[in-house]
């Protein structure tokens, strides 16, 4: 693992629907909580990648 791959921050939005992570290399990944249907067993904490971008160069 390179130093630039180390996650340096993690934040949730106020509803907990979105989770953002940022690493030392400038990569930002936004995750969105998986929507539950009435037919699914309740599963907590499952997030899927919503968006990624590069905020700065390492």
C-alpha atoms as a PDB file:
ATOM      1  CA  UNK A   1       0.000   0.000   0.000  1.00  0.00           C
ATOM      2  CA  UNK A   2       1.308   3.422  -0.912  1.00  0.00           C
ATOM      3  CA  UNK A   3       1.113   6.399   1.438  1.00  0.00           C
ATOM      4  CA  UNK A   4      -1.223   8.167  -1.024  1.00  0.00           C
ATOM      5  CA  UNK A   5      -3.778   5.325  -0.615  1.00  0.00           C
ATOM      6  CA  UNK A   6      -4.226   5.885   3.129  1.00  0.00           C
ATOM      7  CA  UNK A   7      -7.704   7.211   3.945  1.00  0.00           C
ATOM      8  CA  UNK A   8      -7.309  10.494   5.781  1.00  0.00           C
ATOM      9  CA  UNK A   9     -10.937  11.513   6.320  1.00  0.00           C
ATOM     10  CA  UNK A  10     -14.415   9.971   6.596  1.00  0.00           C
ATOM     11  CA  UNK A  11     -17.646  11.965   6.880  1.00  0.00           C
ATOM     12  CA  UNK A  12     -21.378  11.194   6.795  1.00  0.00           C
ATOM     13  CA  UNK A  13     -24.006  13.713   5.717  1.00  0.00           C
ATOM     14  CA  UNK A  14     -26.651  14.736   8.274  1.00  0.00           C
ATOM     15  CA  UNK A  15     -29.063  11.911   7.304  1.00  0.00           C
ATOM     16  CA  UNK A  16     -26.453   9.154   7.054  1.00  0.00           C
ATOM     17  CA  UNK A  17     -27.489   8.450   3.459  1.00  0.00           C
ATOM     18  CA  UNK A  18     -24.131   9.559   2.031  1.00  0.00           C
ATOM     19  CA  UNK A  19     -20.619   8.714   3.190  1.00  0.00           C
ATOM     20  CA  UNK A  20     -17.521  10.463   1.835  1.00  0.00           C
ATOM     21  CA  UNK A  21     -13.943   9.253   2.147  1.00  0.00           C
ATOM     22  CA  UNK A  22     -10.780  11.031   1.099  1.00  0.00           C
ATOM     23  CA  UNK A  23      -7.252   9.702   0.848  1.00  0.00           C
ATOM     24  CA  UNK A  24      -3.864  11.389   1.008  1.00  0.00           C
ATOM     25  CA  UNK A  25      -3.547  11.077  -2.778  1.00  0.00           C
ATOM     26  CA  UNK A  26      -6.551  13.359  -3.321  1.00  0.00           C
ATOM     27  CA  UNK A  27      -9.088  10.718  -4.303  1.00  0.00           C
ATOM     28  CA  UNK A  28     -12.590  11.340  -2.952  1.00  0.00           C
ATOM     29  CA  UNK A  29     -15.213   8.591  -3.007  1.00  0.00           C
ATOM     30  CA  UNK A  30     -18.881   9.229  -2.238  1.00  0.00           C
ATOM     31  CA  UNK A  31     -20.949   6.224  -1.156  1.00  0.00           C
ATOM     32  CA  UNK A  32     -24.757   6.088  -0.985  1.00  0.00           C
ATOM     33  CA  UNK A  33     -26.632   3.864   1.444  1.00  0.00           C
ATOM     34  CA  UNK A  34     -28.429   1.024  -0.299  1.00  0.00           C
ATOM     35  CA  UNK A  35     -32.170   1.566  -0.461  1.00  0.00           C
ATOM     36  CA  UNK A  36     -34.262  -1.029   1.338  1.00  0.00           C
ATOM     37  CA  UNK A  37     -37.387  -2.564  -0.140  1.00  0.00           C
ATOM     38  CA  UNK A  38     -40.191  -4.069   1.898  1.00  0.00           C
ATOM     39  CA  UNK A  39     -39.233  -7.531   0.570  1.00  0.00           C
ATOM     40  CA  UNK A  40     -35.607  -7.326   1.743  1.00  0.00           C
ATOM     41  CA  UNK A  41     -34.348  -8.300   5.146  1.00  0.00           C
ATOM     42  CA  UNK A  42     -33.153  -5.173   6.975  1.00  0.00           C
ATOM     43  CA  UNK A  43     -29.422  -4.762   6.294  1.00  0.00           C
ATOM     44  CA  UNK A  44     -27.579  -1.957   8.029  1.00  0.00           C
ATOM     45  CA  UNK A  45     -24.456  -0.261   6.831  1.00  0.00           C
ATOM     46  CA  UNK A  46     -24.441  -1.310   3.175  1.00  0.00           C
ATOM     47  CA  UNK A  47     -23.181   1.458   0.910  1.00  0.00           C
ATOM     48  CA  UNK A  48     -22.464   1.504  -2.826  1.00  0.00           C
ATOM     49  CA  UNK A  49     -20.120   3.817  -4.725  1.00  0.00           C
ATOM     50  CA  UNK A  50     -22.079   6.859  -5.908  1.00  0.00           C
ATOM     51  CA  UNK A  51     -19.261   9.017  -7.333  1.00  0.00           C
ATOM     52  CA  UNK A  52     -15.478   9.396  -7.354  1.00  0.00           C
ATOM     53  CA  UNK A  53     -13.219  12.305  -8.238  1.00  0.00           C
ATOM     54  CA  UNK A  54      -9.672  13.562  -7.839  1.00  0.00           C
ATOM     55  CA  UNK A  55      -9.456  16.685  -5.667  1.00  0.00           C
ATOM     56  CA  UNK A  56      -5.695  17.226  -6.031  1.00  0.00           C
ATOM     57  CA  UNK A  57      -2.523  15.490  -7.129  1.00  0.00           C
ATOM     58  CA  UNK A  58      -0.547  13.613  -4.449  1.00  0.00           C
END
